[in-house]
Amino acid sequence: MEECWPIPIPLHRLRAGTTCTLYALHTAPAMKRRLQDLGLVPGTNIQCLRNPKRCPMLLQVRGTWIALRQQDARLILVQITIST
């Protein structure tokens, strides 16, 4: 069974290998639309594949790899998924 950590955190704080659930997008409208087109909608599971501090993050969303700038990842809130 999986549960979500109750407090949302910014996506850019995830470590590689962490799985989370998208909570909210607080980006500009054009960016929000683009992310939604890529499948990033609330409730979507996201796996952080790589998160170097000064380079784009590499995420897996619905079987697709997505590179996301750190400045954009700061505006996305997620809840960490915990397997029980």
N, C-alpha and C. Protein backbone atom coordinates (compact mmCIF):
# COMPACT_ATOMS: atom_id res chain seq x y z
N MET A 1 0.85 -1.17 0.00
CA MET A 1 0.00 0.00 0.00
C MET A 1 0.89 1.23 0.00
N GLU A 2 0.46 2.28 -0.69
CA GLU A 2 1.23 3.52 -0.75
C GLU A 2 0.46 4.65 -0.10
N GLU A 3 1.20 5.50 0.59
CA GLU A 3 0.64 6.69 1.20
C GLU A 3 1.48 7.88 0.77
N CYS A 4 0.91 9.08 0.87
CA CYS A 4 1.65 10.29 0.54
C CYS A 4 2.01 11.04 1.81
N TRP A 5 3.23 11.58 1.82
CA TRP A 5 3.65 12.45 2.91
C TRP A 5 2.69 13.62 2.94
N PRO A 6 2.12 13.98 4.07
CA PRO A 6 1.04 14.96 4.11
C PRO A 6 1.42 16.39 3.73
N ILE A 7 2.70 16.76 3.87
CA ILE A 7 3.08 18.15 3.60
C ILE A 7 3.70 18.25 2.21
N PRO A 8 3.10 19.03 1.30
CA PRO A 8 3.69 19.19 -0.03
C PRO A 8 5.04 19.92 0.05
N ILE A 9 5.98 19.50 -0.81
CA ILE A 9 7.29 20.15 -0.89
C ILE A 9 7.55 20.51 -2.35
N PRO A 10 8.46 21.46 -2.60
CA PRO A 10 8.80 21.79 -3.98
C PRO A 10 9.51 20.62 -4.66
N LEU A 11 9.22 20.42 -5.91
CA LEU A 11 9.77 19.32 -6.69
C LEU A 11 11.30 19.34 -6.72
N HIS A 12 11.91 20.51 -6.74
CA HIS A 12 13.37 20.61 -6.87
C HIS A 12 14.11 20.02 -5.67
N ARG A 13 13.43 19.74 -4.56
CA ARG A 13 14.06 19.20 -3.36
C ARG A 13 14.17 17.67 -3.37
N LEU A 14 13.61 17.02 -4.37
CA LEU A 14 13.65 15.56 -4.42
C LEU A 14 15.06 15.04 -4.71
N ARG A 15 15.34 13.87 -4.16
CA ARG A 15 16.58 13.17 -4.47
C ARG A 15 16.30 12.14 -5.55
N ALA A 16 17.35 11.78 -6.29
CA ALA A 16 17.21 10.75 -7.32
C ALA A 16 16.67 9.47 -6.69
N GLY A 17 15.73 8.84 -7.38
CA GLY A 17 15.13 7.60 -6.91
C GLY A 17 13.84 7.79 -6.13
N THR A 18 13.52 9.03 -5.78
CA THR A 18 12.31 9.32 -5.01
C THR A 18 11.08 9.31 -5.92
N THR A 19 10.00 8.73 -5.43
CA THR A 19 8.72 8.75 -6.13
C THR A 19 7.78 9.67 -5.37
N CYS A 20 7.01 10.46 -6.13
CA CYS A 20 6.09 11.40 -5.50
C CYS A 20 4.82 11.51 -6.32
N THR A 21 3.87 12.26 -5.79
CA THR A 21 2.61 12.53 -6.46
C THR A 21 2.47 14.04 -6.62
N LEU A 22 2.13 14.47 -7.83
CA LEU A 22 1.97 15.90 -8.08
C LEU A 22 0.81 16.45 -7.27
N TYR A 23 1.07 17.55 -6.56
CA TYR A 23 0.06 18.17 -5.73
C TYR A 23 -0.51 19.43 -6.40
N ALA A 24 0.38 20.33 -6.86
CA ALA A 24 -0.09 21.58 -7.47
C ALA A 24 0.98 22.20 -8.36
N LEU A 25 0.53 22.94 -9.37
CA LEU A 25 1.42 23.70 -10.25
C LEU A 25 1.19 25.18 -9.97
N HIS A 26 2.25 25.90 -9.61
CA HIS A 26 2.14 27.34 -9.34
C HIS A 26 2.98 28.12 -10.35
N THR A 27 2.97 27.68 -11.59
CA THR A 27 3.76 28.29 -12.65
C THR A 27 2.91 29.30 -13.42
N ALA A 28 3.56 30.01 -14.33
CA ALA A 28 2.83 30.94 -15.21
C ALA A 28 1.84 30.13 -16.07
N PRO A 29 0.76 30.76 -16.50
CA PRO A 29 -0.27 30.02 -17.25
C PRO A 29 0.26 29.26 -18.47
N ALA A 30 1.17 29.86 -19.24
CA ALA A 30 1.69 29.17 -20.43
C ALA A 30 2.49 27.93 -20.03
N MET A 31 3.30 28.05 -18.99
CA MET A 31 4.09 26.92 -18.52
C MET A 31 3.19 25.85 -17.92
N LYS A 32 2.17 26.27 -17.19
CA LYS A 32 1.23 25.32 -16.60
C LYS A 32 0.56 24.50 -17.70
N ARG A 33 0.15 25.16 -18.75
CA ARG A 33 -0.50 24.46 -19.87
C ARG A 33 0.47 23.46 -20.50
N ARG A 34 1.73 23.87 -20.69
CA ARG A 34 2.73 22.99 -21.30
C ARG A 34 2.97 21.75 -20.43
N LEU A 35 3.09 21.97 -19.13
CA LEU A 35 3.31 20.85 -18.21
C LEU A 35 2.11 19.91 -18.19
N GLN A 36 0.91 20.48 -18.24
CA GLN A 36 -0.29 19.65 -18.27
C GLN A 36 -0.34 18.84 -19.57
N ASP A 37 0.08 19.43 -20.67
CA ASP A 37 0.13 18.71 -21.94
C ASP A 37 1.11 17.54 -21.88
N LEU A 38 2.16 17.66 -21.05
CA LEU A 38 3.13 16.60 -20.88
C LEU A 38 2.66 15.53 -19.89
N GLY A 39 1.49 15.74 -19.30
CA GLY A 39 0.93 14.75 -18.38
C GLY A 39 1.08 15.10 -16.92
N LEU A 40 1.62 16.27 -16.61
CA LEU A 40 1.79 16.68 -15.22
C LEU A 40 0.50 17.36 -14.73
N VAL A 41 -0.38 16.55 -14.18
CA VAL A 41 -1.63 17.04 -13.60
C VAL A 41 -1.70 16.52 -12.17
N PRO A 42 -2.41 17.22 -11.29
CA PRO A 42 -2.50 16.75 -9.90
C PRO A 42 -2.91 15.29 -9.81
N GLY A 43 -2.19 14.56 -8.95
CA GLY A 43 -2.45 13.14 -8.76
C GLY A 43 -1.54 12.23 -9.57
N THR A 44 -0.77 12.81 -10.49
CA THR A 44 0.13 12.03 -11.33
C THR A 44 1.36 11.60 -10.53
N ASN A 45 1.77 10.34 -10.71
CA ASN A 45 2.99 9.85 -10.06
C ASN A 45 4.21 10.31 -10.87
N ILE A 46 5.24 10.74 -10.16
CA ILE A 46 6.48 11.22 -10.76
C ILE A 46 7.64 10.52 -10.08
N GLN A 47 8.60 10.07 -10.86
CA GLN A 47 9.83 9.52 -10.28
C GLN A 47 10.99 10.41 -10.67
N CYS A 48 11.77 10.81 -9.68
CA CYS A 48 12.96 11.63 -9.92
C CYS A 48 14.10 10.69 -10.30
N LEU A 49 14.57 10.79 -11.53
CA LEU A 49 15.66 9.93 -12.00
C LEU A 49 17.03 10.56 -11.72
N ARG A 50 17.10 11.88 -11.83
CA ARG A 50 18.36 12.60 -11.61
C ARG A 50 18.03 14.02 -11.17
N ASN A 51 18.81 14.54 -10.21
CA ASN A 51 18.58 15.90 -9.76
C ASN A 51 19.91 16.57 -9.39
N PRO A 52 20.71 16.92 -10.40
CA PRO A 52 21.92 17.68 -10.11
C PRO A 52 21.51 19.10 -9.73
N LYS A 53 22.24 19.72 -8.84
CA LYS A 53 21.82 21.02 -8.28
C LYS A 53 21.75 22.16 -9.30
N ARG A 54 22.62 22.18 -10.31
CA ARG A 54 22.63 23.32 -11.23
C ARG A 54 22.24 22.97 -12.65
N CYS A 55 21.69 21.79 -12.85
CA CYS A 55 21.30 21.33 -14.18
C CYS A 55 19.83 20.94 -14.14
N PRO A 56 19.22 20.72 -15.29
CA PRO A 56 17.82 20.28 -15.30
C PRO A 56 17.64 18.94 -14.59
N MET A 57 16.49 18.80 -13.96
CA MET A 57 16.11 17.53 -13.34
C MET A 57 15.66 16.58 -14.44
N LEU A 58 15.83 15.29 -14.22
CA LEU A 58 15.31 14.29 -15.12
C LEU A 58 14.23 13.52 -14.38
N LEU A 59 13.02 13.56 -14.92
CA LEU A 59 11.86 12.95 -14.28
C LEU A 59 11.26 11.89 -15.20
N GLN A 60 10.60 10.91 -14.59
CA GLN A 60 9.82 9.96 -15.37
C GLN A 60 8.36 10.17 -15.00
N VAL A 61 7.56 10.50 -16.01
CA VAL A 61 6.14 10.76 -15.82
C VAL A 61 5.37 9.92 -16.84
N ARG A 62 4.56 9.00 -16.36
CA ARG A 62 3.73 8.15 -17.24
C ARG A 62 4.56 7.46 -18.31
N GLY A 63 5.75 6.97 -17.93
CA GLY A 63 6.59 6.24 -18.86
C GLY A 63 7.45 7.10 -19.77
N THR A 64 7.37 8.42 -19.63
CA THR A 64 8.13 9.33 -20.47
C THR A 64 9.15 10.08 -19.62
N TRP A 65 10.35 10.28 -20.16
CA TRP A 65 11.37 11.06 -19.46
C TRP A 65 11.20 12.53 -19.81
N ILE A 66 11.24 13.38 -18.78
CA ILE A 66 11.08 14.82 -18.96
C ILE A 66 12.23 15.52 -18.24
N ALA A 67 12.88 16.44 -18.93
CA ALA A 67 13.91 17.28 -18.30
C ALA A 67 13.23 18.59 -17.91
N LEU A 68 13.45 19.03 -16.68
CA LEU A 68 12.79 20.22 -16.16
C LEU A 68 13.80 21.12 -15.47
N ARG A 69 13.79 22.41 -15.82
CA ARG A 69 14.72 23.36 -15.20
C ARG A 69 14.45 23.49 -13.71
N GLN A 70 15.51 23.71 -12.96
CA GLN A 70 15.39 23.87 -11.51
C GLN A 70 14.44 25.02 -11.16
N GLN A 71 14.51 26.12 -11.88
CA GLN A 71 13.65 27.27 -11.57
C GLN A 71 12.17 26.94 -11.77
N ASP A 72 11.85 26.06 -12.70
CA ASP A 72 10.45 25.63 -12.89
C ASP A 72 10.05 24.61 -11.83
N ALA A 73 10.98 23.73 -11.46
CA ALA A 73 10.70 22.71 -10.46
C ALA A 73 10.39 23.33 -9.09
N ARG A 74 10.93 24.51 -8.82
CA ARG A 74 10.66 25.20 -7.56
C ARG A 74 9.19 25.62 -7.43
N LEU A 75 8.48 25.72 -8.54
CA LEU A 75 7.09 26.18 -8.54
C LEU A 75 6.08 25.04 -8.60
N ILE A 76 6.57 23.82 -8.49
CA ILE A 76 5.71 22.64 -8.53
C ILE A 76 5.74 21.95 -7.17
N LEU A 77 4.58 21.73 -6.58
CA LEU A 77 4.50 21.07 -5.28
C LEU A 77 4.13 19.61 -5.45
N VAL A 78 4.82 18.76 -4.68
CA VAL A 78 4.57 17.32 -4.72
C VAL A 78 4.45 16.76 -3.31
N GLN A 79 3.89 15.58 -3.22
CA GLN A 79 3.84 14.86 -1.96
C GLN A 79 4.64 13.57 -2.16
N ILE A 80 5.57 13.29 -1.27
CA ILE A 80 6.40 12.10 -1.38
C ILE A 80 5.56 10.86 -1.13
N THR A 81 5.74 9.85 -1.97
CA THR A 81 5.01 8.60 -1.85
C THR A 81 5.80 7.67 -0.95
N ILE A 82 5.13 7.10 0.04
CA ILE A 82 5.76 6.19 0.99
C ILE A 82 5.07 4.83 0.87
N SER A 83 5.86 3.80 0.58
CA SER A 83 5.32 2.44 0.50
C SER A 83 5.22 1.85 1.90
N THR A 84 4.05 1.29 2.24
CA THR A 84 3.87 0.68 3.57
C THR A 84 3.55 -0.78 3.43
